[in-house]
Amino acid sequence: MGLLSDTPGRVGTLEAQRLLEVPVPGGFAVWLDENWRGELQGLLERCALDVALIYGLPPDAGVASHILGDLPPGRSFEDKFVVGVFDALGRMSGVLVVVRDHPAVGHWTVELLLVAPDQRGHGLGREMLASLEAWARSEGGLSIRLEARRHNPAGAAFALRAGFERDDAPGGGGGVRYVRRLGG
């Protein structure tokens, strides 16, 4: 599998680099920045039903820019990582957006995990989470958190299959939060 990891400041540790080794037959993965906006927008449009479940609206022309550019309060782009996984034809097959040390130090939040409809059922989402877990552990991470919208039972089922537990702590927006404790 070829790797393209020349986005400035994003190579990081060997564990972080492993996020770019998520297996797609003949494919590759890359840290995404604004230069990849068109490819990300294409994936989001192919996943229009999922985007509507996540954000409440079908993807508009600015959703890729929003995903690439928005930060949680108090975080910087050094804390936000967007990884795109591409198939052998060069089409984006999946995306993982994660923020390190959010909402607190040691806690990582998955803002988006999306796999193209034609790539589902082959373990790509599970592999992306496993790579993320290895990286977070290597950096002393305590947990990985994600949210499934209340009207997205498939997202909730995926979180549970991936080893996450429902997090009933107060807070959260329009969804059910799930957490995978890493120890530490």
Protein backbone atom coordinates (compact mmCIF):
# COMPACT_ATOMS: atom_id res chain seq x y z
CA MET A 1 0.00 0.00 0.00
CA GLY A 2 1.37 3.40 -0.89
CA LEU A 3 1.47 6.16 1.69
CA LEU A 4 1.23 9.87 1.12
CA SER A 5 1.98 11.69 4.34
CA ASP A 6 3.63 14.95 3.41
CA THR A 7 1.07 17.31 4.94
CA PRO A 8 3.23 19.66 7.03
CA GLY A 9 3.23 18.95 10.75
CA ARG A 10 1.14 15.81 10.50
CA VAL A 11 3.61 12.94 10.38
CA GLY A 12 4.18 12.88 14.14
CA THR A 13 4.84 9.66 15.97
CA LEU A 14 5.09 6.21 14.45
CA GLU A 15 1.75 5.44 16.06
CA ALA A 16 0.18 8.49 14.41
CA GLN A 17 1.67 7.40 11.11
CA ARG A 18 -0.10 4.04 11.51
CA LEU A 19 -3.40 5.84 10.99
CA LEU A 20 -2.16 6.20 7.44
CA GLU A 21 -1.71 2.44 7.13
CA VAL A 22 -5.38 1.50 7.44
CA PRO A 23 -5.77 -1.29 4.89
CA VAL A 24 -7.72 -0.71 1.73
CA PRO A 25 -6.73 -3.13 -1.05
CA GLY A 26 -4.41 -1.15 -3.30
CA GLY A 27 -5.28 2.09 -1.56
CA PHE A 28 -3.62 4.65 0.66
CA ALA A 29 -4.37 7.13 3.41
CA VAL A 30 -3.35 10.74 3.90
CA TRP A 31 -3.65 13.55 6.42
CA LEU A 32 -6.24 15.88 4.92
CA ASP A 33 -5.97 19.63 4.73
CA GLU A 34 -7.70 22.28 2.61
CA ASN A 35 -5.97 20.88 -0.52
CA TRP A 36 -8.16 17.75 -0.17
CA ARG A 37 -11.45 19.65 0.20
CA GLY A 38 -12.81 18.49 -3.19
CA GLU A 39 -12.20 14.81 -2.47
CA LEU A 40 -13.72 15.13 0.99
CA GLN A 41 -16.75 16.93 -0.43
CA GLY A 42 -17.18 14.08 -2.92
CA LEU A 43 -17.21 11.49 -0.14
CA LEU A 44 -19.69 13.54 1.88
CA GLU A 45 -22.00 13.76 -1.13
CA ARG A 46 -21.74 9.99 -1.72
CA CYS A 47 -22.73 9.60 1.94
CA ALA A 48 -25.54 12.18 1.79
CA LEU A 49 -27.96 10.12 3.92
CA ASP A 50 -25.34 9.65 6.64
CA VAL A 51 -24.39 13.33 6.57
CA ALA A 52 -28.06 14.22 6.97
CA LEU A 53 -28.29 11.88 10.00
CA ILE A 54 -25.16 13.40 11.56
CA TYR A 55 -25.66 17.10 10.83
CA GLY A 56 -29.43 17.25 10.34
CA LEU A 57 -29.11 18.42 6.73
CA PRO A 58 -27.83 16.93 3.47
CA PRO A 59 -24.30 18.03 2.55
CA ASP A 60 -24.12 21.55 1.15
CA ALA A 61 -21.22 23.00 -0.81
CA GLY A 62 -19.42 24.14 2.35
CA VAL A 63 -19.60 21.05 4.54
CA ALA A 64 -16.08 19.84 3.67
CA SER A 65 -14.62 23.26 4.51
CA HIS A 66 -16.57 23.19 7.78
CA ILE A 67 -15.17 19.76 8.69
CA LEU A 68 -11.61 20.78 7.80
CA GLY A 69 -11.70 24.23 9.36
CA ASP A 70 -13.85 24.24 12.48
CA LEU A 71 -12.27 23.72 15.88
CA PRO A 72 -13.76 23.14 19.31
CA PRO A 73 -13.24 26.07 21.72
CA GLY A 74 -9.71 26.20 23.10
CA ARG A 75 -8.25 23.74 20.57
CA SER A 76 -5.79 24.39 17.74
CA PHE A 77 -5.09 22.68 14.45
CA GLU A 78 -2.24 20.88 16.21
CA ASP A 79 -4.98 19.01 18.12
CA LYS A 80 -7.28 18.21 15.19
CA PHE A 81 -6.52 15.39 12.78
CA VAL A 82 -8.41 14.58 9.60
CA VAL A 83 -7.41 11.34 7.88
CA GLY A 84 -8.75 10.29 4.49
CA VAL A 85 -8.59 6.69 3.28
CA PHE A 86 -8.58 6.14 -0.48
CA ASP A 87 -9.30 3.05 -2.58
CA ALA A 88 -7.14 1.69 -5.42
CA LEU A 89 -8.89 4.03 -7.89
CA GLY A 90 -7.99 7.08 -5.81
CA ARG A 91 -11.54 7.67 -4.53
CA MET A 92 -11.91 8.57 -0.89
CA SER A 93 -13.38 5.56 0.92
CA GLY A 94 -13.50 6.91 4.44
CA VAL A 95 -12.64 9.78 6.73
CA LEU A 96 -11.78 10.01 10.41
CA VAL A 97 -11.82 13.37 12.21
CA VAL A 98 -10.45 13.36 15.75
CA VAL A 99 -9.55 16.02 18.31
CA ARG A 100 -6.86 15.22 20.86
CA ASP A 101 -7.26 16.35 24.49
CA HIS A 102 -10.91 17.24 24.04
CA PRO A 103 -12.95 17.71 26.15
CA ALA A 104 -10.02 17.35 28.60
CA VAL A 105 -6.39 16.31 28.55
CA GLY A 106 -6.07 12.62 27.72
CA HIS A 107 -9.53 12.35 26.20
CA TRP A 108 -9.82 12.13 22.42
CA THR A 109 -13.06 12.89 20.60
CA VAL A 110 -14.04 11.40 17.26
CA GLU A 111 -15.90 14.20 15.50
CA LEU A 112 -16.61 12.16 12.39
CA LEU A 113 -16.09 8.59 11.22
CA LEU A 114 -17.59 7.96 7.83
CA VAL A 115 -17.13 5.07 5.38
CA ALA A 116 -18.43 5.19 1.81
CA PRO A 117 -21.48 2.96 1.25
CA ASP A 118 -19.64 0.71 -1.23
CA GLN A 119 -16.83 0.12 1.32
CA ARG A 120 -18.97 -0.81 4.32
CA GLY A 121 -19.02 -4.26 5.82
CA HIS A 122 -15.30 -4.90 5.23
CA GLY A 123 -13.97 -3.61 8.56
CA LEU A 124 -12.62 -0.25 7.40
CA GLY A 125 -14.31 1.74 10.19
CA ARG A 126 -13.14 -0.77 12.79
CA GLU A 127 -9.57 -0.59 11.42
CA MET A 128 -9.57 3.21 11.57
CA LEU A 129 -10.69 3.09 15.22
CA ALA A 130 -8.09 0.43 16.07
CA SER A 131 -5.34 2.59 14.57
CA LEU A 132 -6.63 5.60 16.46
CA GLU A 133 -6.71 3.62 19.70
CA ALA A 134 -3.08 2.51 19.28
CA TRP A 135 -2.03 6.10 18.66
CA ALA A 136 -4.03 7.53 21.57
CA ARG A 137 -2.60 4.88 23.92
CA SER A 138 0.95 5.71 22.77
CA GLU A 139 0.34 9.34 23.73
CA GLY A 140 -1.07 8.49 27.16
CA GLY A 141 -4.69 8.82 26.10
CA LEU A 142 -7.27 7.87 28.70
CA SER A 143 -10.31 7.48 26.48
CA ILE A 144 -11.78 7.89 23.03
CA ARG A 145 -15.25 9.37 22.81
CA LEU A 146 -17.75 9.47 19.99
CA GLU A 147 -21.37 10.38 19.59
CA ALA A 148 -24.21 8.75 17.67
CA ARG A 149 -27.27 10.84 16.95
CA ARG A 150 -30.41 9.61 18.66
CA HIS A 151 -32.03 8.94 15.29
CA ASN A 152 -29.04 6.92 14.02
CA PRO A 153 -29.33 3.40 15.45
CA ALA A 154 -26.72 2.09 12.98
CA GLY A 155 -24.15 4.50 14.45
CA ALA A 156 -24.99 3.36 17.96
CA ALA A 157 -24.74 -0.30 16.97
CA PHE A 158 -21.36 0.32 15.32
CA ALA A 159 -20.03 2.02 18.47
CA LEU A 160 -21.08 -0.93 20.63
CA ARG A 161 -19.62 -3.49 18.18
CA ALA A 162 -16.35 -1.51 18.22
CA GLY A 163 -16.08 -1.95 21.99
CA PHE A 164 -17.42 1.42 23.12
CA GLU A 165 -19.75 1.73 26.09
CA ARG A 166 -22.62 4.14 26.47
CA ASP A 167 -21.53 7.20 28.45
CA ASP A 168 -24.41 8.48 30.53
CA ALA A 169 -22.47 11.40 32.04
CA PRO A 170 -24.25 14.77 31.86
CA GLY A 171 -23.68 16.97 28.83
CA GLY A 172 -23.72 16.22 25.16
CA GLY A 173 -25.84 17.61 22.40
CA GLY A 174 -28.25 15.81 20.13
CA GLY A 175 -26.87 12.36 20.56
CA VAL A 176 -25.80 9.52 22.76
CA ARG A 177 -22.15 9.54 23.71
CA TYR A 178 -20.00 6.44 23.76
CA VAL A 179 -16.60 6.00 25.34
CA ARG A 180 -13.79 3.51 25.11
CA ARG A 181 -11.56 3.71 28.15
CA LEU A 182 -7.91 3.14 27.41
CA GLY A 183 -6.56 2.93 30.93
CA GLY A 184 -3.48 4.88 31.81
